[in-house]
C-alpha cells in the first residue's frame, strides 16, 4: 500500500511535490491520485486535531503554580500545560511548532505520499524528539554566541503514528476504488 508517514524528513522542498502540482498529477493515475489525497488529508487532519492548544491564561496560571511549587521545594509538580508521555503534544502560542505546518506531498522515488510536520531551521529536530522520544540539547544565548546549557531527556509524545493507525482502517475501500479504475 503506497503511503507513508514521516515526522522528521519533511522540509520546505515538499512544496514542489504537493498533489496539485502539474508534474505530480500528470505522473499519477486519476484514481490513485484521488485515493492518495484522501488518505494523506485524513492523516493530516487527525494529527492536527489530536493536539490541544494551551491558552495564554492557562500558561500564566501554570507559571504561577510552578513558581509556588518551586518555592515550597515541591519537585513532584506536574505542569498542566505539558502533555503526558504517550499523549499528543500540546500547542503553546510561542514557538515554531504549529499544526498548520503538517503537510503532505508525493515522493516519486518511493511512489508514496509523505505526511508530516515541516522541519524548521533549528539545530535539533524537536519534532523527532516529540514523536519518538530522546535527548534534546538546551542552548542559551544569541544565535552566534549560543552555548549548550544542558541536555534533557524527552519522553515520546507521538501524534503522527497514531494518526496513521486511525486512518489506516478506511484505506482498503480507497484502494479497491483504484483497482476498479475509480
N, C-alpha and C. Protein backbone atom coordinates (compact mmCIF):
# COMPACT_ATOMS: atom_id res chain seq x y z
N UNK A 1 0.84 -1.17 0.00
CA UNK A 1 0.00 0.00 0.00
C UNK A 1 0.89 1.24 0.00
N UNK A 2 0.96 1.99 -1.10
CA UNK A 2 1.89 3.10 -1.17
C UNK A 2 1.44 4.33 -0.40
N UNK A 3 1.72 4.36 0.84
CA UNK A 3 1.50 5.54 1.65
C UNK A 3 2.49 5.50 2.79
N UNK A 4 3.00 6.64 3.18
CA UNK A 4 3.97 6.65 4.25
C UNK A 4 3.75 7.84 5.15
N UNK A 5 4.29 7.75 6.33
CA UNK A 5 4.19 8.83 7.28
C UNK A 5 5.59 9.15 7.76
N UNK A 6 5.96 10.39 7.70
CA UNK A 6 7.28 10.78 8.16
C UNK A 6 7.15 11.98 9.05
N UNK A 7 7.76 11.91 10.19
CA UNK A 7 7.67 13.02 11.12
C UNK A 7 8.91 13.88 11.11
N UNK A 8 9.95 13.45 10.43
CA UNK A 8 11.18 14.21 10.56
C UNK A 8 11.86 14.51 9.25
N UNK A 9 11.47 13.94 8.14
CA UNK A 9 12.18 14.14 6.89
C UNK A 9 11.56 15.18 5.99
N UNK A 10 10.51 15.84 6.41
CA UNK A 10 9.80 16.77 5.55
C UNK A 10 10.39 18.17 5.75
N UNK A 11 10.76 18.81 4.64
CA UNK A 11 11.20 20.20 4.72
C UNK A 11 10.44 21.01 3.67
N UNK A 12 10.80 22.24 3.48
CA UNK A 12 10.03 23.11 2.61
C UNK A 12 10.11 22.71 1.14
N UNK A 13 11.00 21.79 0.77
CA UNK A 13 11.03 21.31 -0.61
C UNK A 13 9.78 20.51 -0.95
N UNK A 14 9.02 20.15 0.05
CA UNK A 14 7.80 19.39 -0.20
C UNK A 14 6.79 20.22 -0.99
N UNK A 15 6.93 21.53 -0.98
CA UNK A 15 6.02 22.39 -1.74
C UNK A 15 6.03 22.04 -3.22
N UNK A 16 7.17 21.53 -3.72
CA UNK A 16 7.26 21.15 -5.13
C UNK A 16 6.48 19.87 -5.43
N UNK A 17 6.16 19.11 -4.39
CA UNK A 17 5.52 17.82 -4.58
C UNK A 17 4.08 17.77 -4.06
N UNK A 18 3.46 18.93 -3.86
CA UNK A 18 2.06 18.93 -3.49
C UNK A 18 1.26 18.24 -4.58
N UNK A 19 0.17 17.63 -4.22
CA UNK A 19 -0.58 16.81 -5.17
C UNK A 19 -1.34 17.63 -6.21
N UNK A 20 -1.33 18.96 -6.10
CA UNK A 20 -1.98 19.78 -7.12
C UNK A 20 -0.99 20.34 -8.14
N UNK A 21 0.27 20.00 -8.03
CA UNK A 21 1.28 20.46 -8.99
C UNK A 21 1.15 19.69 -10.30
N UNK A 22 1.32 20.36 -11.43
CA UNK A 22 1.15 19.68 -12.73
C UNK A 22 2.03 18.44 -12.89
N UNK A 23 3.28 18.51 -12.46
CA UNK A 23 4.17 17.36 -12.59
C UNK A 23 3.60 16.15 -11.86
N UNK A 24 3.05 16.38 -10.70
CA UNK A 24 2.56 15.29 -9.87
C UNK A 24 1.30 14.68 -10.47
N UNK A 25 0.31 15.52 -10.81
CA UNK A 25 -0.94 14.91 -11.27
C UNK A 25 -0.87 14.39 -12.69
N UNK A 26 0.19 14.72 -13.44
CA UNK A 26 0.39 14.09 -14.75
C UNK A 26 1.06 12.73 -14.60
N UNK A 27 1.80 12.52 -13.51
CA UNK A 27 2.56 11.28 -13.37
C UNK A 27 1.81 10.19 -12.61
N UNK A 28 0.62 10.48 -12.09
CA UNK A 28 -0.16 9.51 -11.32
C UNK A 28 -1.53 9.34 -11.97
N UNK A 29 -2.06 8.14 -11.92
CA UNK A 29 -3.41 7.91 -12.45
C UNK A 29 -4.43 8.67 -11.61
N UNK A 30 -5.57 8.95 -12.23
CA UNK A 30 -6.59 9.76 -11.57
C UNK A 30 -7.11 9.10 -10.29
N UNK A 31 -7.37 7.80 -10.36
CA UNK A 31 -7.89 7.09 -9.18
C UNK A 31 -6.88 7.03 -8.05
N UNK A 32 -5.62 6.78 -8.39
CA UNK A 32 -4.56 6.71 -7.37
C UNK A 32 -4.36 8.08 -6.73
N UNK A 33 -4.39 9.13 -7.56
CA UNK A 33 -4.22 10.49 -7.03
C UNK A 33 -5.34 10.82 -6.04
N UNK A 34 -6.58 10.47 -6.39
CA UNK A 34 -7.71 10.76 -5.51
C UNK A 34 -7.58 10.00 -4.19
N UNK A 35 -7.18 8.74 -4.28
CA UNK A 35 -7.04 7.93 -3.05
C UNK A 35 -5.90 8.45 -2.18
N UNK A 36 -4.77 8.80 -2.80
CA UNK A 36 -3.64 9.32 -2.03
C UNK A 36 -3.98 10.65 -1.36
N UNK A 37 -4.67 11.52 -2.09
CA UNK A 37 -5.10 12.80 -1.49
C UNK A 37 -6.00 12.56 -0.29
N UNK A 38 -6.93 11.66 -0.48
CA UNK A 38 -7.90 11.38 0.58
C UNK A 38 -7.21 10.81 1.82
N UNK A 39 -6.31 9.86 1.62
CA UNK A 39 -5.61 9.24 2.74
C UNK A 39 -4.69 10.20 3.45
N UNK A 40 -3.89 10.93 2.68
CA UNK A 40 -2.94 11.87 3.29
C UNK A 40 -3.67 12.99 4.02
N UNK A 41 -4.76 13.47 3.42
CA UNK A 41 -5.55 14.51 4.07
C UNK A 41 -6.17 14.03 5.37
N UNK A 42 -6.60 12.78 5.39
CA UNK A 42 -7.18 12.21 6.60
C UNK A 42 -6.12 12.10 7.70
N UNK A 43 -4.93 11.63 7.35
CA UNK A 43 -3.85 11.52 8.34
C UNK A 43 -3.51 12.90 8.90
N UNK A 44 -3.37 13.88 8.00
CA UNK A 44 -3.03 15.24 8.44
C UNK A 44 -4.10 15.81 9.36
N UNK A 45 -5.36 15.64 9.02
CA UNK A 45 -6.45 16.18 9.84
C UNK A 45 -6.48 15.53 11.22
N UNK A 46 -6.31 14.21 11.26
CA UNK A 46 -6.32 13.51 12.54
C UNK A 46 -5.15 13.98 13.41
N UNK A 47 -3.97 14.13 12.81
CA UNK A 47 -2.80 14.59 13.56
C UNK A 47 -3.00 16.01 14.08
N UNK A 48 -3.54 16.89 13.24
CA UNK A 48 -3.77 18.27 13.67
C UNK A 48 -4.77 18.35 14.82
N UNK A 49 -5.83 17.57 14.72
CA UNK A 49 -6.88 17.63 15.74
C UNK A 49 -6.49 16.92 17.03
N UNK A 50 -5.47 16.08 16.98
CA UNK A 50 -5.08 15.36 18.20
C UNK A 50 -4.34 16.26 19.18
N UNK A 51 -3.76 17.34 18.68
CA UNK A 51 -3.01 18.26 19.55
C UNK A 51 -3.95 19.34 20.09
N UNK A 52 -3.84 19.63 21.36
CA UNK A 52 -4.68 20.64 22.00
C UNK A 52 -3.87 21.90 22.25
N UNK A 53 -4.52 23.04 22.05
CA UNK A 53 -3.87 24.34 22.24
C UNK A 53 -3.93 24.75 23.71
N UNK A 54 -2.86 25.35 24.19
CA UNK A 54 -2.79 25.87 25.55
C UNK A 54 -3.03 27.38 25.47
N UNK A 55 -4.03 27.87 26.19
CA UNK A 55 -4.32 29.30 26.15
C UNK A 55 -3.27 30.09 26.93
N UNK A 56 -3.18 31.36 26.64
CA UNK A 56 -2.23 32.22 27.36
C UNK A 56 -2.59 32.31 28.84
N UNK A 57 -3.89 32.34 29.13
CA UNK A 57 -4.33 32.41 30.53
C UNK A 57 -3.91 31.15 31.28
N UNK A 58 -4.06 29.99 30.66
CA UNK A 58 -3.66 28.74 31.30
C UNK A 58 -2.15 28.69 31.50
N UNK A 59 -1.40 29.22 30.55
CA UNK A 59 0.06 29.24 30.67
C UNK A 59 0.49 30.15 31.83
N UNK A 60 -0.17 31.32 31.97
CA UNK A 60 0.15 32.22 33.08
C UNK A 60 -0.18 31.58 34.42
N UNK A 61 -1.34 30.93 34.49
CA UNK A 61 -1.75 30.27 35.72
C UNK A 61 -0.79 29.14 36.09
N UNK A 62 -0.35 28.38 35.10
CA UNK A 62 0.60 27.29 35.34
C UNK A 62 1.95 27.85 35.78
N UNK A 63 2.36 28.98 35.24
CA UNK A 63 3.63 29.59 35.63
C UNK A 63 3.60 30.00 37.10
N UNK A 64 2.46 30.55 37.55
CA UNK A 64 2.33 30.92 38.96
C UNK A 64 2.39 29.68 39.86
N UNK A 65 1.67 28.63 39.47
CA UNK A 65 1.68 27.40 40.26
C UNK A 65 3.08 26.77 40.28
N UNK A 66 3.78 26.85 39.14
CA UNK A 66 5.14 26.31 39.08
C UNK A 66 6.06 27.06 40.02
N UNK A 67 5.93 28.40 40.06
CA UNK A 67 6.75 29.21 40.96
C UNK A 67 6.45 28.88 42.42
N UNK A 68 5.17 28.74 42.76
CA UNK A 68 4.79 28.38 44.12
C UNK A 68 5.35 27.01 44.50
N UNK A 69 5.29 26.06 43.60
CA UNK A 69 5.81 24.71 43.87
C UNK A 69 7.32 24.74 44.07
N UNK A 70 8.02 25.56 43.28
CA UNK A 70 9.47 25.66 43.43
C UNK A 70 9.83 26.33 44.76
N UNK A 71 9.05 27.32 45.17
CA UNK A 71 9.29 27.98 46.45
C UNK A 71 9.09 27.02 47.63
N UNK A 72 8.11 26.11 47.48
CA UNK A 72 7.87 25.11 48.51
C UNK A 72 8.88 23.97 48.45
N UNK A 73 9.60 23.88 47.37
CA UNK A 73 10.54 22.77 47.21
C UNK A 73 9.87 21.51 46.70
N UNK A 74 8.69 21.67 46.11
CA UNK A 74 7.93 20.52 45.59
C UNK A 74 8.48 20.14 44.22
N UNK A 75 9.20 19.04 44.15
CA UNK A 75 9.79 18.59 42.89
C UNK A 75 8.85 17.70 42.09
N UNK A 76 7.69 17.37 42.67
CA UNK A 76 6.74 16.48 42.00
C UNK A 76 5.64 17.27 41.29
N UNK A 77 5.85 18.57 41.06
CA UNK A 77 4.85 19.40 40.40
C UNK A 77 4.66 18.94 38.96
N UNK A 78 3.40 18.75 38.56
CA UNK A 78 3.09 18.38 37.19
C UNK A 78 2.46 19.57 36.48
N UNK A 79 3.15 20.07 35.48
CA UNK A 79 2.69 21.23 34.73
C UNK A 79 1.52 20.84 33.83
N UNK A 80 0.34 21.48 33.99
CA UNK A 80 -0.82 21.12 33.17
C UNK A 80 -0.70 21.58 31.72
N UNK A 81 0.26 22.45 31.41
CA UNK A 81 0.42 22.90 30.03
C UNK A 81 1.32 21.98 29.22
N UNK A 82 1.85 20.94 29.85
CA UNK A 82 2.71 19.97 29.16
C UNK A 82 1.96 18.65 29.08
N UNK A 83 1.95 18.05 27.89
CA UNK A 83 1.21 16.80 27.74
C UNK A 83 1.92 15.66 28.45
N UNK A 84 1.17 14.64 28.78
CA UNK A 84 1.74 13.46 29.44
C UNK A 84 2.43 12.60 28.39
N UNK A 85 3.47 11.89 28.80
CA UNK A 85 4.14 10.99 27.85
C UNK A 85 3.15 9.95 27.30
N UNK A 86 3.24 9.73 26.00
CA UNK A 86 2.33 8.80 25.34
C UNK A 86 1.11 9.46 24.75
N UNK A 87 0.87 10.75 25.07
CA UNK A 87 -0.25 11.51 24.54
C UNK A 87 0.29 12.55 23.56
N UNK A 88 -0.53 13.03 22.61
CA UNK A 88 -0.06 14.04 21.67
C UNK A 88 0.41 15.30 22.37
N UNK A 89 1.38 16.01 21.79
CA UNK A 89 1.88 17.24 22.43
C UNK A 89 0.83 18.34 22.44
N UNK A 90 0.97 19.23 23.41
CA UNK A 90 0.10 20.40 23.46
C UNK A 90 0.78 21.54 22.71
N UNK A 91 -0.03 22.41 22.14
CA UNK A 91 0.49 23.51 21.33
C UNK A 91 0.49 24.77 22.18
N UNK A 92 1.65 25.41 22.28
CA UNK A 92 1.77 26.67 23.00
C UNK A 92 1.78 27.80 21.99
N UNK A 93 1.39 28.98 22.41
CA UNK A 93 1.29 30.10 21.48
C UNK A 93 2.65 30.54 20.98
N UNK A 94 3.69 30.38 21.80
CA UNK A 94 5.03 30.73 21.33
C UNK A 94 5.73 29.47 20.83
N UNK A 95 6.71 29.67 19.97
CA UNK A 95 7.43 28.51 19.45
C UNK A 95 7.13 28.30 17.97
N UNK A 96 7.92 27.46 17.35
CA UNK A 96 7.80 27.23 15.91
C UNK A 96 6.84 26.12 15.54
N UNK A 97 6.45 25.28 16.49
CA UNK A 97 5.63 24.13 16.14
C UNK A 97 4.18 24.54 16.01
N UNK A 98 3.66 24.47 14.83
CA UNK A 98 2.29 24.87 14.52
C UNK A 98 1.65 23.75 13.72
N UNK A 99 0.45 23.30 14.07
CA UNK A 99 -0.15 22.21 13.31
C UNK A 99 -0.44 22.55 11.85
N UNK A 100 -0.46 23.84 11.50
CA UNK A 100 -0.67 24.20 10.10
C UNK A 100 0.53 23.80 9.24
N UNK A 101 1.66 23.52 9.87
CA UNK A 101 2.84 23.09 9.14
C UNK A 101 2.91 21.58 8.96
N UNK A 102 1.84 20.87 9.25
CA UNK A 102 1.78 19.45 8.92
C UNK A 102 1.26 19.37 7.49
N UNK A 103 2.12 18.96 6.58
CA UNK A 103 1.81 18.96 5.16
C UNK A 103 1.97 17.56 4.58
N UNK A 104 1.53 17.39 3.33
CA UNK A 104 1.77 16.13 2.65
C UNK A 104 2.12 16.40 1.20
N UNK A 105 2.91 15.51 0.63
CA UNK A 105 3.32 15.61 -0.76
C UNK A 105 3.71 14.25 -1.30
N UNK A 106 3.80 14.16 -2.60
CA UNK A 106 4.10 12.91 -3.28
C UNK A 106 5.60 12.75 -3.44
N UNK A 107 6.11 11.58 -3.10
CA UNK A 107 7.52 11.25 -3.29
C UNK A 107 7.61 10.29 -4.47
N UNK A 108 8.03 10.79 -5.66
CA UNK A 108 8.04 9.92 -6.85
C UNK A 108 9.09 8.82 -6.79
N UNK A 109 10.15 9.01 -6.03
CA UNK A 109 11.19 7.98 -5.95
C UNK A 109 10.69 6.72 -5.25
N UNK A 110 9.88 6.90 -4.22
CA UNK A 110 9.36 5.75 -3.47
C UNK A 110 7.91 5.46 -3.81
N UNK A 111 7.28 6.31 -4.63
CA UNK A 111 5.88 6.17 -5.02
C UNK A 111 4.97 6.14 -3.80
N UNK A 112 5.17 7.09 -2.88
CA UNK A 112 4.36 7.20 -1.67
C UNK A 112 4.01 8.67 -1.43
N UNK A 113 3.05 8.87 -0.56
CA UNK A 113 2.74 10.20 -0.08
C UNK A 113 3.38 10.34 1.29
N UNK A 114 4.14 11.40 1.48
CA UNK A 114 4.82 11.66 2.75
C UNK A 114 3.99 12.68 3.52
N UNK A 115 3.66 12.35 4.75
CA UNK A 115 2.84 13.22 5.60
C UNK A 115 3.64 13.53 6.86
N UNK A 116 3.75 14.79 7.21
CA UNK A 116 4.46 15.13 8.44
C UNK A 116 4.67 16.61 8.60
N UNK A 117 5.09 17.02 9.79
CA UNK A 117 5.37 18.44 10.03
C UNK A 117 6.63 18.87 9.31
N UNK A 118 6.62 20.08 8.80
CA UNK A 118 7.77 20.63 8.11
C UNK A 118 8.82 20.99 9.15
N UNK A 119 10.04 20.59 8.89
CA UNK A 119 11.14 20.88 9.82
C UNK A 119 11.52 22.35 9.73
N UNK A 120 11.68 22.97 10.88
CA UNK A 120 12.09 24.37 10.93
C UNK A 120 13.61 24.45 10.92
N UNK A 121 14.13 25.64 10.75
CA UNK A 121 15.57 25.83 10.74
C UNK A 121 16.10 25.86 12.17
N UNK A 122 16.23 24.70 12.76
CA UNK A 122 16.76 24.62 14.11
C UNK A 122 17.89 23.61 14.14
N UNK A 123 18.73 23.72 15.15
CA UNK A 123 19.86 22.80 15.28
C UNK A 123 19.40 21.39 15.56
N UNK A 124 18.36 21.28 16.36
CA UNK A 124 17.89 19.96 16.77
C UNK A 124 16.49 19.74 16.23
N UNK A 125 16.21 18.55 15.80
CA UNK A 125 14.89 18.24 15.27
C UNK A 125 13.94 17.91 16.42
N UNK A 126 13.23 18.91 16.90
CA UNK A 126 12.35 18.76 18.05
C UNK A 126 11.18 17.84 17.74
N UNK A 127 10.71 17.85 16.51
CA UNK A 127 9.57 17.02 16.14
C UNK A 127 9.93 15.54 16.29
N UNK A 128 11.14 15.18 15.91
CA UNK A 128 11.58 13.79 16.06
C UNK A 128 11.60 13.40 17.54
N UNK A 129 12.04 14.32 18.39
CA UNK A 129 12.07 14.03 19.82
C UNK A 129 10.67 13.90 20.40
N UNK A 130 9.72 14.67 19.88
CA UNK A 130 8.34 14.54 20.36
C UNK A 130 7.75 13.21 19.94
N UNK A 131 7.99 12.83 18.70
CA UNK A 131 7.38 11.61 18.17
C UNK A 131 7.99 10.34 18.77
N UNK A 132 9.31 10.29 18.86
CA UNK A 132 9.99 9.07 19.28
C UNK A 132 10.59 9.15 20.69
N UNK A 133 10.78 10.34 21.20
CA UNK A 133 11.47 10.50 22.48
C UNK A 133 12.97 10.58 22.23
N UNK A 134 13.70 11.05 23.22
CA UNK A 134 15.15 11.13 23.08
C UNK A 134 15.72 12.33 23.79
N UNK A 135 17.01 12.52 23.58
CA UNK A 135 17.72 13.63 24.23
C UNK A 135 17.62 14.90 23.39
N UNK A 136 17.42 16.03 24.09
CA UNK A 136 17.29 17.33 23.43
C UNK A 136 18.27 18.29 24.09
N UNK A 137 19.14 18.94 23.28
CA UNK A 137 20.06 19.92 23.86
C UNK A 137 19.34 21.24 24.13
N UNK A 138 19.65 21.87 25.25
CA UNK A 138 19.11 23.17 25.61
C UNK A 138 20.23 24.18 25.47
N UNK A 139 20.04 25.16 24.58
CA UNK A 139 21.05 26.18 24.33
C UNK A 139 20.60 27.50 24.92
N UNK A 140 21.57 28.38 25.21
CA UNK A 140 21.26 29.70 25.72
C UNK A 140 22.13 30.71 24.98
N UNK A 141 21.59 31.88 24.75
CA UNK A 141 22.35 32.93 24.10
C UNK A 141 21.86 33.18 22.69
N UNK A 142 22.45 34.20 22.09
CA UNK A 142 22.08 34.56 20.73
C UNK A 142 22.63 33.54 19.74
N UNK A 143 22.16 33.65 18.54
CA UNK A 143 22.48 32.65 17.52
C UNK A 143 23.99 32.46 17.34
N UNK A 144 24.75 33.54 17.28
CA UNK A 144 26.18 33.41 17.02
C UNK A 144 26.99 33.14 18.30
N UNK A 145 26.39 33.32 19.47
CA UNK A 145 27.10 33.06 20.74
C UNK A 145 26.35 32.04 21.59
N UNK A 146 25.68 31.16 20.94
CA UNK A 146 24.88 30.16 21.64
C UNK A 146 25.78 29.13 22.30
N UNK A 147 25.42 28.75 23.53
CA UNK A 147 26.21 27.72 24.20
C UNK A 147 25.26 26.70 24.82
N UNK A 148 25.74 25.49 24.91
CA UNK A 148 24.96 24.39 25.44
C UNK A 148 24.87 24.51 26.96
N UNK A 149 23.66 24.52 27.48
CA UNK A 149 23.42 24.60 28.92
C UNK A 149 23.31 23.21 29.51
N UNK A 150 22.42 22.39 28.94
CA UNK A 150 22.25 21.03 29.42
C UNK A 150 21.54 20.22 28.34
N UNK A 151 21.48 18.94 28.55
CA UNK A 151 20.75 18.04 27.67
C UNK A 151 19.68 17.35 28.51
N UNK A 152 18.44 17.40 28.04
CA UNK A 152 17.34 16.79 28.78
C UNK A 152 16.77 15.63 27.98
N UNK A 153 16.16 14.69 28.67
CA UNK A 153 15.52 13.56 28.02
C UNK A 153 14.03 13.83 27.91
N UNK A 154 13.50 13.72 26.70
CA UNK A 154 12.08 13.94 26.45
C UNK A 154 11.43 12.59 26.18
N UNK A 155 10.39 12.28 26.93
CA UNK A 155 9.66 11.03 26.66
C UNK A 155 8.73 11.24 25.47
N UNK A 156 8.48 10.19 24.74
CA UNK A 156 7.72 10.25 23.48
C UNK A 156 6.31 10.77 23.70
N UNK A 157 5.90 11.66 22.80
CA UNK A 157 4.54 12.18 22.74
C UNK A 157 4.09 12.09 21.29
N UNK A 158 3.80 10.87 20.82
CA UNK A 158 3.53 10.67 19.39
C UNK A 158 2.22 11.29 18.93
N UNK A 159 2.22 11.78 17.69
CA UNK A 159 1.00 12.29 17.10
C UNK A 159 0.84 11.87 15.66
N UNK A 160 1.92 11.57 14.93
CA UNK A 160 1.80 11.14 13.54
C UNK A 160 1.50 9.65 13.43
N UNK A 161 2.18 8.82 14.18
CA UNK A 161 1.94 7.38 14.09
C UNK A 161 0.52 7.01 14.51
N UNK A 162 -0.01 7.55 15.63
CA UNK A 162 -1.41 7.24 15.96
C UNK A 162 -2.39 7.71 14.89
N UNK A 163 -2.08 8.87 14.27
CA UNK A 163 -2.97 9.37 13.21
C UNK A 163 -2.97 8.41 12.02
N UNK A 164 -1.81 7.88 11.68
CA UNK A 164 -1.75 6.94 10.56
C UNK A 164 -2.49 5.64 10.89
N UNK A 165 -2.36 5.17 12.11
CA UNK A 165 -3.05 3.94 12.51
C UNK A 165 -4.57 4.11 12.44
N UNK A 166 -5.06 5.25 12.87
CA UNK A 166 -6.51 5.51 12.83
C UNK A 166 -6.99 5.59 11.38
N UNK A 167 -6.23 6.28 10.53
CA UNK A 167 -6.63 6.44 9.13
C UNK A 167 -6.51 5.16 8.33
N UNK A 168 -5.65 4.25 8.76
CA UNK A 168 -5.41 3.01 8.03
C UNK A 168 -6.66 2.12 7.94
N UNK A 169 -7.58 2.29 8.86
CA UNK A 169 -8.78 1.45 8.89
C UNK A 169 -9.62 1.60 7.63
N UNK A 170 -9.66 2.79 7.03
CA UNK A 170 -10.52 3.03 5.87
C UNK A 170 -9.80 2.88 4.53
N UNK A 171 -8.53 2.53 4.57
CA UNK A 171 -7.75 2.52 3.33
C UNK A 171 -8.16 1.43 2.36
N UNK A 172 -8.64 0.30 2.84
CA UNK A 172 -8.96 -0.80 1.94
C UNK A 172 -10.01 -0.38 0.90
N UNK A 173 -11.00 0.39 1.34
CA UNK A 173 -12.03 0.86 0.41
C UNK A 173 -11.46 1.78 -0.65
N UNK A 174 -10.54 2.66 -0.26
CA UNK A 174 -9.93 3.57 -1.22
C UNK A 174 -9.12 2.79 -2.27
N UNK A 175 -8.37 1.80 -1.81
CA UNK A 175 -7.55 1.03 -2.75
C UNK A 175 -8.39 0.14 -3.63
N UNK A 176 -9.57 -0.28 -3.17
CA UNK A 176 -10.48 -1.04 -4.03
C UNK A 176 -10.97 -0.16 -5.18
N UNK A 177 -11.18 1.13 -4.92
CA UNK A 177 -11.61 2.06 -5.97
C UNK A 177 -10.52 2.21 -7.03
N UNK A 178 -9.25 2.19 -6.63
CA UNK A 178 -8.17 2.30 -7.60
C UNK A 178 -8.17 1.08 -8.51
N UNK A 179 -8.36 -0.09 -7.93
CA UNK A 179 -8.35 -1.32 -8.72
C UNK A 179 -9.50 -1.34 -9.74
N UNK A 180 -10.61 -0.69 -9.40
CA UNK A 180 -11.75 -0.68 -10.30
C UNK A 180 -11.70 0.48 -11.29
N UNK A 181 -10.64 1.27 -11.27
CA UNK A 181 -10.50 2.36 -12.23
C UNK A 181 -11.06 3.69 -11.77
N UNK A 182 -11.73 3.71 -10.63
CA UNK A 182 -12.30 4.91 -9.98
C UNK A 182 -13.14 5.69 -10.96
